[in-house]
Amino acid sequence: MAGFLREEPGAVVLELVVQPRASRTRAVGEHGGRLKVQLAAPPVDGEANEALVEFLARALGVRRAAVAILRGETGRRKTVRVAGVGAAAALAALAAG
């Protein structure tokens, strides 16, 4: 299993590093033990966090309400919990970009 992902009952917890103001929103692979996610949104007024939640919900096939930022609300290093998805499915979906 990838170092940036751990499974909990009924959910997965992702350790992420985000890069706001990228050319497009996508997962680009492991970076320093975390999954690197590039976001097209700027880090202003929570726009990057909203874009991250939207991206993860769409990529993992869950509702936006199932995605919660646990730590790192104002920083680039974030811990995110996604309910309703298993580790294998999450890994496959995020590896696909």
PDB file of N, CA and C in Angstrom:
ATOM      1  N   MET A   1       0.854  -1.184   0.000  1.00  0.00           N
ATOM      2  CA  MET A   1       0.000   0.000   0.000  1.00  0.00           C
ATOM      3  C   MET A   1       0.894   1.240   0.000  1.00  0.00           C
ATOM      4  N   ALA A   2       0.398   2.282  -0.624  1.00  0.00           N
ATOM      5  CA  ALA A   2       1.163   3.527  -0.725  1.00  0.00           C
ATOM      6  C   ALA A   2       1.297   4.184   0.643  1.00  0.00           C
ATOM      7  N   GLY A   3       2.420   4.850   0.874  1.00  0.00           N
ATOM      8  CA  GLY A   3       2.683   5.484   2.157  1.00  0.00           C
ATOM      9  C   GLY A   3       1.778   6.657   2.461  1.00  0.00           C
ATOM     10  N   PHE A   4       1.180   7.254   1.438  1.00  0.00           N
ATOM     11  CA  PHE A   4       0.337   8.423   1.646  1.00  0.00           C
ATOM     12  C   PHE A   4      -1.116   8.066   1.950  1.00  0.00           C
ATOM     13  N   LEU A   5      -1.434   6.769   1.979  1.00  0.00           N
ATOM     14  CA  LEU A   5      -2.819   6.334   2.136  1.00  0.00           C
ATOM     15  C   LEU A   5      -2.927   5.292   3.238  1.00  0.00           C
ATOM     16  N   ARG A   6      -3.900   5.465   4.111  1.00  0.00           N
ATOM     17  CA  ARG A   6      -4.171   4.412   5.097  1.00  0.00           C
ATOM     18  C   ARG A   6      -5.679   4.208   5.173  1.00  0.00           C
ATOM     19  N   GLU A   7      -6.046   2.974   5.438  1.00  0.00           N
ATOM     20  CA  GLU A   7      -7.462   2.631   5.480  1.00  0.00           C
ATOM     21  C   GLU A   7      -7.973   2.637   6.908  1.00  0.00           C
ATOM     22  N   GLU A   8      -9.168   3.175   7.084  1.00  0.00           N
ATOM     23  CA  GLU A   8      -9.893   3.145   8.345  1.00  0.00           C
ATOM     24  C   GLU A   8     -11.224   2.464   8.055  1.00  0.00           C
ATOM     25  N   PRO A   9     -11.950   2.049   9.069  1.00  0.00           N
ATOM     26  CA  PRO A   9     -13.259   1.442   8.801  1.00  0.00           C
ATOM     27  C   PRO A   9     -14.167   2.394   8.014  1.00  0.00           C
ATOM     28  N   GLY A  10     -14.512   2.009   6.797  1.00  0.00           N
ATOM     29  CA  GLY A  10     -15.421   2.797   5.972  1.00  0.00           C
ATOM     30  C   GLY A  10     -14.829   4.024   5.321  1.00  0.00           C
ATOM     31  N   ALA A  11     -13.516   4.180   5.365  1.00  0.00           N
ATOM     32  CA  ALA A  11     -12.910   5.394   4.806  1.00  0.00           C
ATOM     33  C   ALA A  11     -11.421   5.185   4.536  1.00  0.00           C
ATOM     34  N   VAL A  12     -10.829   6.149   3.847  1.00  0.00           N
ATOM     35  CA  VAL A  12      -9.380   6.200   3.691  1.00  0.00           C
ATOM     36  C   VAL A  12      -8.910   7.572   4.161  1.00  0.00           C
ATOM     37  N   VAL A  13      -7.676   7.626   4.645  1.00  0.00           N
ATOM     38  CA  VAL A  13      -7.060   8.888   5.049  1.00  0.00           C
ATOM     39  C   VAL A  13      -5.864   9.102   4.131  1.00  0.00           C
ATOM     40  N   LEU A  14      -5.824  10.259   3.487  1.00  0.00           N
ATOM     41  CA  LEU A  14      -4.771  10.598   2.536  1.00  0.00           C
ATOM     42  C   LEU A  14      -3.880  11.689   3.107  1.00  0.00           C
ATOM     43  N   GLU A  15      -2.574  11.499   2.961  1.00  0.00           N
ATOM     44  CA  GLU A  15      -1.606  12.541   3.308  1.00  0.00           C
ATOM     45  C   GLU A  15      -1.220  13.199   1.982  1.00  0.00           C
ATOM     46  N   LEU A  16      -1.491  14.490   1.865  1.00  0.00           N
ATOM     47  CA  LEU A  16      -1.315  15.191   0.601  1.00  0.00           C
ATOM     48  C   LEU A  16      -0.379  16.381   0.734  1.00  0.00           C
ATOM     49  N   VAL A  17       0.228  16.734  -0.378  1.00  0.00           N
ATOM     50  CA  VAL A  17       0.889  18.029  -0.513  1.00  0.00           C
ATOM     51  C   VAL A  17       0.261  18.661  -1.751  1.00  0.00           C
ATOM     52  N   VAL A  18      -0.245  19.870  -1.607  1.00  0.00           N
ATOM     53  CA  VAL A  18      -0.951  20.515  -2.713  1.00  0.00           C
ATOM     54  C   VAL A  18      -0.127  21.652  -3.289  1.00  0.00           C
ATOM     55  N   GLN A  19      -0.305  21.859  -4.573  1.00  0.00           N
ATOM     56  CA  GLN A  19       0.357  22.954  -5.285  1.00  0.00           C
ATOM     57  C   GLN A  19      -0.730  23.786  -5.955  1.00  0.00           C
ATOM     58  N   PRO A  20      -1.118  24.907  -5.330  1.00  0.00           N
ATOM     59  CA  PRO A  20      -2.138  25.758  -5.946  1.00  0.00           C
ATOM     60  C   PRO A  20      -1.583  26.509  -7.148  1.00  0.00           C
ATOM     61  N   ARG A  21      -2.484  27.067  -7.929  1.00  0.00           N
ATOM     62  CA  ARG A  21      -2.153  27.858  -9.119  1.00  0.00           C
ATOM     63  C   ARG A  21      -1.366  27.063 -10.157  1.00  0.00           C
ATOM     64  N   ALA A  22      -1.678  25.778 -10.293  1.00  0.00           N
ATOM     65  CA  ALA A  22      -1.047  24.952 -11.335  1.00  0.00           C
ATOM     66  C   ALA A  22      -1.823  25.158 -12.631  1.00  0.00           C
ATOM     67  N   SER A  23      -1.284  24.629 -13.726  1.00  0.00           N
ATOM     68  CA  SER A  23      -1.958  24.794 -15.014  1.00  0.00           C
ATOM     69  C   SER A  23      -3.274  24.024 -15.078  1.00  0.00           C
ATOM     70  N   ARG A  24      -3.345  22.893 -14.332  1.00  0.00           N
ATOM     71  CA  ARG A  24      -4.601  22.141 -14.270  1.00  0.00           C
ATOM     72  C   ARG A  24      -4.641  21.337 -12.974  1.00  0.00           C
ATOM     73  N   THR A  25      -5.826  20.871 -12.620  1.00  0.00           N
ATOM     74  CA  THR A  25      -6.014  20.108 -11.386  1.00  0.00           C
ATOM     75  C   THR A  25      -5.825  18.633 -11.674  1.00  0.00           C
ATOM     76  N   ARG A  26      -4.889  18.012 -10.933  1.00  0.00           N
ATOM     77  CA  ARG A  26      -4.607  16.588 -11.135  1.00  0.00           C
ATOM     78  C   ARG A  26      -3.712  16.067 -10.020  1.00  0.00           C
ATOM     79  N   ALA A  27      -3.736  14.739  -9.836  1.00  0.00           N
ATOM     80  CA  ALA A  27      -2.801  14.068  -8.928  1.00  0.00           C
ATOM     81  C   ALA A  27      -1.579  13.714  -9.760  1.00  0.00           C
ATOM     82  N   VAL A  28      -0.386  14.028  -9.254  1.00  0.00           N
ATOM     83  CA  VAL A  28       0.820  13.809 -10.062  1.00  0.00           C
ATOM     84  C   VAL A  28       1.754  12.741  -9.508  1.00  0.00           C
ATOM     85  N   GLY A  29       1.389  12.121  -8.385  1.00  0.00           N
ATOM     86  CA  GLY A  29       2.225  11.044  -7.858  1.00  0.00           C
ATOM     87  C   GLY A  29       2.769  11.347  -6.484  1.00  0.00           C
ATOM     88  N   GLU A  30       3.542  10.404  -5.972  1.00  0.00           N
ATOM     89  CA  GLU A  30       4.066  10.518  -4.621  1.00  0.00           C
ATOM     90  C   GLU A  30       5.228  11.510  -4.571  1.00  0.00           C
ATOM     91  N   HIS A  31       5.249  12.312  -3.525  1.00  0.00           N
ATOM     92  CA  HIS A  31       6.280  13.335  -3.350  1.00  0.00           C
ATOM     93  C   HIS A  31       6.576  13.447  -1.857  1.00  0.00           C
ATOM     94  N   GLY A  32       7.721  12.947  -1.433  1.00  0.00           N
ATOM     95  CA  GLY A  32       8.105  13.018  -0.025  1.00  0.00           C
ATOM     96  C   GLY A  32       7.166  12.269   0.903  1.00  0.00           C
ATOM     97  N   GLY A  33       6.659  11.125   0.467  1.00  0.00           N
ATOM     98  CA  GLY A  33       5.771  10.320   1.289  1.00  0.00           C
ATOM     99  C   GLY A  33       4.322  10.769   1.285  1.00  0.00           C
ATOM    100  N   ARG A  34       3.999  11.763   0.483  1.00  0.00           N
ATOM    101  CA  ARG A  34       2.629  12.266   0.350  1.00  0.00           C
ATOM    102  C   ARG A  34       2.231  12.256  -1.116  1.00  0.00           C
ATOM    103  N   LEU A  35       0.937  12.222  -1.374  1.00  0.00           N
ATOM    104  CA  LEU A  35       0.451  12.326  -2.746  1.00  0.00           C
ATOM    105  C   LEU A  35       0.440  13.805  -3.123  1.00  0.00           C
ATOM    106  N   LYS A  36       1.076  14.136  -4.228  1.00  0.00           N
ATOM    107  CA  LYS A  36       1.091  15.524  -4.685  1.00  0.00           C
ATOM    108  C   LYS A  36      -0.106  15.766  -5.592  1.00  0.00           C
ATOM    109  N   VAL A  37      -0.859  16.811  -5.268  1.00  0.00           N
ATOM    110  CA  VAL A  37      -2.020  17.198  -6.062  1.00  0.00           C
ATOM    111  C   VAL A  37      -1.828  18.633  -6.514  1.00  0.00           C
ATOM    112  N   GLN A  38      -1.865  18.829  -7.818  1.00  0.00           N
ATOM    113  CA  GLN A  38      -1.785  20.180  -8.370  1.00  0.00           C
ATOM    114  C   GLN A  38      -3.207  20.697  -8.533  1.00  0.00           C
ATOM    115  N   LEU A  39      -3.426  21.943  -8.107  1.00  0.00           N
ATOM    116  CA  LEU A  39      -4.747  22.562  -8.181  1.00  0.00           C
ATOM    117  C   LEU A  39      -4.681  23.819  -9.025  1.00  0.00           C
ATOM    118  N   ALA A  40      -5.627  23.976  -9.930  1.00  0.00           N
ATOM    119  CA  ALA A  40      -5.669  25.169 -10.770  1.00  0.00           C
ATOM    120  C   ALA A  40      -6.105  26.397  -9.962  1.00  0.00           C
ATOM    121  N   ALA A  41      -6.812  26.189  -8.875  1.00  0.00           N
ATOM    122  CA  ALA A  41      -7.342  27.289  -8.063  1.00  0.00           C
ATOM    123  C   ALA A  41      -6.229  27.973  -7.263  1.00  0.00           C
ATOM    124  N   PRO A  42      -6.386  29.268  -7.005  1.00  0.00           N
ATOM    125  CA  PRO A  42      -5.417  29.988  -6.173  1.00  0.00           C
ATOM    126  C   PRO A  42      -5.688  29.728  -4.691  1.00  0.00           C
ATOM    127  N   PRO A  43      -4.670  29.925  -3.827  1.00  0.00           N
ATOM    128  CA  PRO A  43      -4.857  29.712  -2.388  1.00  0.00           C
ATOM    129  C   PRO A  43      -5.462  30.939  -1.713  1.00  0.00           C
ATOM    130  N   VAL A  44      -6.620  31.385  -2.212  1.00  0.00           N
ATOM    131  CA  VAL A  44      -7.257  32.599  -1.708  1.00  0.00           C
ATOM    132  C   VAL A  44      -8.688  32.272  -1.292  1.00  0.00           C
ATOM    133  N   ASP A  45      -9.089  32.728  -0.117  1.00  0.00           N
ATOM    134  CA  ASP A  45     -10.465  32.559   0.367  1.00  0.00           C
ATOM    135  C   ASP A  45     -10.960  31.118   0.304  1.00  0.00           C
ATOM    136  N   GLY A  46     -10.073  30.168   0.551  1.00  0.00           N
ATOM    137  CA  GLY A  46     -10.486  28.771   0.582  1.00  0.00           C
ATOM    138  C   GLY A  46     -10.727  28.136  -0.779  1.00  0.00           C
ATOM    139  N   GLU A  47     -10.400  28.846  -1.863  1.00  0.00           N
ATOM    140  CA  GLU A  47     -10.665  28.313  -3.210  1.00  0.00           C
ATOM    141  C   GLU A  47      -9.889  27.031  -3.477  1.00  0.00           C
ATOM    142  N   ALA A  48      -8.628  26.969  -3.036  1.00  0.00           N
ATOM    143  CA  ALA A  48      -7.825  25.768  -3.269  1.00  0.00           C
ATOM    144  C   ALA A  48      -8.400  24.585  -2.490  1.00  0.00           C
ATOM    145  N   ASN A  49      -8.853  24.802  -1.257  1.00  0.00           N
ATOM    146  CA  ASN A  49      -9.459  23.723  -0.474  1.00  0.00           C
ATOM    147  C   ASN A  49     -10.733  23.228  -1.147  1.00  0.00           C
ATOM    148  N   GLU A  50     -11.560  24.146  -1.643  1.00  0.00           N
ATOM    149  CA  GLU A  50     -12.783  23.756  -2.355  1.00  0.00           C
ATOM    150  C   GLU A  50     -12.449  22.940  -3.600  1.00  0.00           C
ATOM    151  N   ALA A  51     -11.428  23.378  -4.330  1.00  0.00           N
ATOM    152  CA  ALA A  51     -11.018  22.652  -5.537  1.00  0.00           C
ATOM    153  C   ALA A  51     -10.499  21.263  -5.179  1.00  0.00           C
ATOM    154  N   LEU A  52      -9.784  21.153  -4.069  1.00  0.00           N
ATOM    155  CA  LEU A  52      -9.265  19.861  -3.623  1.00  0.00           C
ATOM    156  C   LEU A  52     -10.410  18.913  -3.271  1.00  0.00           C
ATOM    157  N   VAL A  53     -11.378  19.394  -2.509  1.00  0.00           N
ATOM    158  CA  VAL A  53     -12.528  18.573  -2.125  1.00  0.00           C
ATOM    159  C   VAL A  53     -13.285  18.123  -3.373  1.00  0.00           C
ATOM    160  N   GLU A  54     -13.516  19.045  -4.297  1.00  0.00           N
ATOM    161  CA  GLU A  54     -14.221  18.725  -5.549  1.00  0.00           C
ATOM    162  C   GLU A  54     -13.450  17.682  -6.360  1.00  0.00           C
ATOM    163  N   PHE A  55     -12.144  17.866  -6.482  1.00  0.00           N
ATOM    164  CA  PHE A  55     -11.312  16.928  -7.247  1.00  0.00           C
ATOM    165  C   PHE A  55     -11.355  15.530  -6.643  1.00  0.00           C
ATOM    166  N   LEU A  56     -11.152  15.434  -5.323  1.00  0.00           N
ATOM    167  CA  LEU A  56     -11.139  14.128  -4.673  1.00  0.00           C
ATOM    168  C   LEU A  56     -12.504  13.448  -4.749  1.00  0.00           C
ATOM    169  N   ALA A  57     -13.575  14.206  -4.544  1.00  0.00           N
ATOM    170  CA  ALA A  57     -14.922  13.631  -4.620  1.00  0.00           C
ATOM    171  C   ALA A  57     -15.185  13.064  -6.019  1.00  0.00           C
ATOM    172  N   ARG A  58     -14.840  13.825  -7.029  1.00  0.00           N
ATOM    173  CA  ARG A  58     -15.052  13.381  -8.416  1.00  0.00           C
ATOM    174  C   ARG A  58     -14.167  12.186  -8.742  1.00  0.00           C
ATOM    175  N   ALA A  59     -12.892  12.245  -8.383  1.00  0.00           N
ATOM    176  CA  ALA A  59     -11.949  11.167  -8.707  1.00  0.00           C
ATOM    177  C   ALA A  59     -12.313   9.862  -8.010  1.00  0.00           C
ATOM    178  N   LEU A  60     -12.826   9.961  -6.777  1.00  0.00           N
ATOM    179  CA  LEU A  60     -13.107   8.766  -5.991  1.00  0.00           C
ATOM    180  C   LEU A  60     -14.576   8.351  -6.044  1.00  0.00           C
ATOM    181  N   GLY A  61     -15.404   9.121  -6.746  1.00  0.00           N
ATOM    182  CA  GLY A  61     -16.802   8.751  -6.919  1.00  0.00           C
ATOM    183  C   GLY A  61     -17.635   8.829  -5.653  1.00  0.00           C
ATOM    184  N   VAL A  62     -17.354   9.837  -4.825  1.00  0.00           N
ATOM    185  CA  VAL A  62     -18.130  10.039  -3.597  1.00  0.00           C
ATOM    186  C   VAL A  62     -18.724  11.446  -3.596  1.00  0.00           C
ATOM    187  N   ARG A  63     -19.651  11.690  -2.668  1.00  0.00           N
ATOM    188  CA  ARG A  63     -20.221  13.029  -2.534  1.00  0.00           C
ATOM    189  C   ARG A  63     -19.180  13.960  -1.902  1.00  0.00           C
ATOM    190  N   ARG A  64     -19.319  15.236  -2.163  1.00  0.00           N
ATOM    191  CA  ARG A  64     -18.389  16.220  -1.581  1.00  0.00           C
ATOM    192  C   ARG A  64     -18.426  16.161  -0.055  1.00  0.00           C
ATOM    193  N   ALA A  65     -19.574  15.858   0.516  1.00  0.00           N
ATOM    194  CA  ALA A  65     -19.713  15.791   1.970  1.00  0.00           C
ATOM    195  C   ALA A  65     -18.897  14.644   2.572  1.00  0.00           C
ATOM    196  N   ALA A  66     -18.503  13.688   1.748  1.00  0.00           N
ATOM    197  CA  ALA A  66     -17.716  12.545   2.235  1.00  0.00           C
ATOM    198  C   ALA A  66     -16.233  12.892   2.368  1.00  0.00           C
ATOM    199  N   VAL A  67     -15.835  14.048   1.854  1.00  0.00           N
ATOM    200  CA  VAL A  67     -14.429  14.471   1.876  1.00  0.00           C
ATOM    201  C   VAL A  67     -14.252  15.538   2.954  1.00  0.00           C
ATOM    202  N   ALA A  68     -13.349  15.264   3.907  1.00  0.00           N
ATOM    203  CA  ALA A  68     -13.127  16.210   5.009  1.00  0.00           C
ATOM    204  C   ALA A  68     -11.632  16.464   5.178  1.00  0.00           C
ATOM    205  N   ILE A  69     -11.251  17.737   5.235  1.00  0.00           N
ATOM    206  CA  ILE A  69      -9.863  18.099   5.506  1.00  0.00           C
ATOM    207  C   ILE A  69      -9.687  18.058   7.022  1.00  0.00           C
ATOM    208  N   LEU A  70      -8.872  17.116   7.492  1.00  0.00           N
ATOM    209  CA  LEU A  70      -8.660  16.942   8.929  1.00  0.00           C
ATOM    210  C   LEU A  70      -7.602  17.891   9.465  1.00  0.00           C
ATOM    211  N   ARG A  71      -6.498  18.040   8.721  1.00  0.00           N
ATOM    212  CA  ARG A  71      -5.388  18.907   9.128  1.00  0.00           C
ATOM    213  C   ARG A  71      -4.833  19.620   7.909  1.00  0.00           C
ATOM    214  N   GLY A  72      -4.300  20.822   8.127  1.00  0.00           N
ATOM    215  CA  GLY A  72      -3.628  21.538   7.060  1.00  0.00           C
ATOM    216  C   GLY A  72      -4.522  22.467   6.272  1.00  0.00           C
ATOM    217  N   GLU A  73      -5.599  22.909   6.880  1.00  0.00           N
ATOM    218  CA  GLU A  73      -6.577  23.779   6.210  1.00  0.00           C
ATOM    219  C   GLU A  73      -5.904  24.982   5.530  1.00  0.00           C
ATOM    220  N   THR A  74      -4.869  25.548   6.159  1.00  0.00           N
ATOM    221  CA  THR A  74      -4.239  26.750   5.611  1.00  0.00           C
ATOM    222  C   THR A  74      -2.848  26.495   5.028  1.00  0.00           C
ATOM    223  N   GLY A  75      -2.400  25.249   5.014  1.00  0.00           N
ATOM    224  CA  GLY A  75      -1.061  24.960   4.504  1.00  0.00           C
ATOM    225  C   GLY A  75      -1.083  24.072   3.267  1.00  0.00           C
ATOM    226  N   ARG A  76       0.091  23.803   2.749  1.00  0.00           N
ATOM    227  CA  ARG A  76       0.215  22.946   1.566  1.00  0.00           C
ATOM    228  C   ARG A  76       0.144  21.463   1.930  1.00  0.00           C
ATOM    229  N   ARG A  77       0.548  21.116   3.145  1.00  0.00           N
ATOM    230  CA  ARG A  77       0.519  19.717   3.595  1.00  0.00           C
ATOM    231  C   ARG A  77      -0.807  19.470   4.308  1.00  0.00           C
ATOM    232  N   LYS A  78      -1.594  18.547   3.769  1.00  0.00           N
ATOM    233  CA  LYS A  78      -2.946  18.316   4.276  1.00  0.00           C
ATOM    234  C   LYS A  78      -3.179  16.839   4.572  1.00  0.00           C
ATOM    235  N   THR A  79      -4.048  16.578   5.534  1.00  0.00           N
ATOM    236  CA  THR A  79      -4.535  15.241   5.823  1.00  0.00           C
ATOM    237  C   THR A  79      -6.031  15.266   5.546  1.00  0.00           C
ATOM    238  N   VAL A  80      -6.469  14.371   4.659  1.00  0.00           N
ATOM    239  CA  VAL A  80      -7.856  14.365   4.201  1.00  0.00           C
ATOM    240  C   VAL A  80      -8.461  12.988   4.422  1.00  0.00           C
ATOM    241  N   ARG A  81      -9.681  12.953   4.953  1.00  0.00           N
ATOM    242  CA  ARG A  81     -10.413  11.699   5.144  1.00  0.00           C
ATOM    243  C   ARG A  81     -11.532  11.634   4.113  1.00  0.00           C
ATOM    244  N   VAL A  82     -11.620  10.487   3.435  1.00  0.00           N
ATOM    245  CA  VAL A  82     -12.662  10.281   2.434  1.00  0.00           C
ATOM    246  C   VAL A  82     -13.473   9.061   2.843  1.00  0.00           C
ATOM    247  N   ALA A  83     -14.738   9.277   3.161  1.00  0.00           N
ATOM    248  CA  ALA A  83     -15.628   8.192   3.584  1.00  0.00           C
ATOM    249  C   ALA A  83     -16.226   7.500   2.363  1.00  0.00           C
ATOM    250  N   GLY A  84     -16.513   6.206   2.525  1.00  0.00           N
ATOM    251  CA  GLY A  84     -17.231   5.471   1.491  1.00  0.00           C
ATOM    252  C   GLY A  84     -16.375   4.922   0.375  1.00  0.00           C
ATOM    253  N   VAL A  85     -15.070   4.846   0.578  1.00  0.00           N
ATOM    254  CA  VAL A  85     -14.186   4.300  -0.453  1.00  0.00           C
ATOM    255  C   VAL A  85     -13.108   3.455   0.230  1.00  0.00           C
ATOM    256  N   GLY A  86     -12.718   2.376  -0.427  1.00  0.00           N
ATOM    257  CA  GLY A  86     -11.674   1.509   0.107  1.00  0.00           C
ATOM    258  C   GLY A  86     -10.305   1.917  -0.392  1.00  0.00           C
ATOM    259  N   ALA A  87      -9.270   1.407   0.249  1.00  0.00           N
ATOM    260  CA  ALA A  87      -7.901   1.777  -0.093  1.00  0.00           C
ATOM    261  C   ALA A  87      -7.545   1.377  -1.524  1.00  0.00           C
ATOM    262  N   ALA A  88      -7.890   0.166  -1.926  1.00  0.00           N
ATOM    263  CA  ALA A  88      -7.535  -0.297  -3.270  1.00  0.00           C
ATOM    264  C   ALA A  88      -8.212   0.545  -4.347  1.00  0.00           C
ATOM    265  N   ALA A  89      -9.488   0.855  -4.156  1.00  0.00           N
ATOM    266  CA  ALA A  89     -10.226   1.672  -5.130  1.00  0.00           C
ATOM    267  C   ALA A  89      -9.660   3.080  -5.180  1.00  0.00           C
ATOM    268  N   ALA A  90      -9.323   3.644  -4.013  1.00  0.00           N
ATOM    269  CA  ALA A  90      -8.775   5.000  -3.957  1.00  0.00           C
ATOM    270  C   ALA A  90      -7.424   5.064  -4.661  1.00  0.00           C
ATOM    271  N   LEU A  91      -6.592   4.074  -4.391  1.00  0.00           N
ATOM    272  CA  LEU A  91      -5.266   4.028  -5.012  1.00  0.00           C
ATOM    273  C   LEU A  91      -5.385   3.919  -6.530  1.00  0.00           C
ATOM    274  N   ALA A  92      -6.279   3.056  -6.997  1.00  0.00           N
ATOM    275  CA  ALA A  92      -6.462   2.881  -8.443  1.00  0.00           C
ATOM    276  C   ALA A  92      -6.972   4.170  -9.089  1.00  0.00           C
ATOM    277  N   ALA A  93      -7.938   4.818  -8.451  1.00  0.00           N
ATOM    278  CA  ALA A  93      -8.512   6.039  -9.009  1.00  0.00           C
ATOM    279  C   ALA A  93      -7.510   7.178  -9.044  1.00  0.00           C
ATOM    280  N   LEU A  94      -6.719   7.322  -7.984  1.00  0.00           N
ATOM    281  CA  LEU A  94      -5.764   8.429  -7.926  1.00  0.00           C
ATOM    282  C   LEU A  94      -4.545   8.170  -8.806  1.00  0.00           C
ATOM    283  N   ALA A  95      -4.164   6.911  -8.980  1.00  0.00           N
ATOM    284  CA  ALA A  95      -3.045   6.587  -9.851  1.00  0.00           C
ATOM    285  C   ALA A  95      -3.407   6.857 -11.307  1.00  0.00           C
ATOM    286  N   ALA A  96      -4.695   6.750 -11.623  1.00  0.00           N
ATOM    287  CA  ALA A  96      -5.154   6.997 -12.983  1.00  0.00           C
ATOM    288  C   ALA A  96      -5.153   8.490 -13.312  1.00  0.00           C
ATOM    289  N   GLY A  97      -4.977   9.318 -12.286  1.00  0.00           N
ATOM    290  CA  GLY A  97      -4.914  10.761 -12.508  1.00  0.00           C
ATOM    291  C   GLY A  97      -6.247  11.376 -12.276  1.00  0.00           C
TER     292      GLY A  97
END
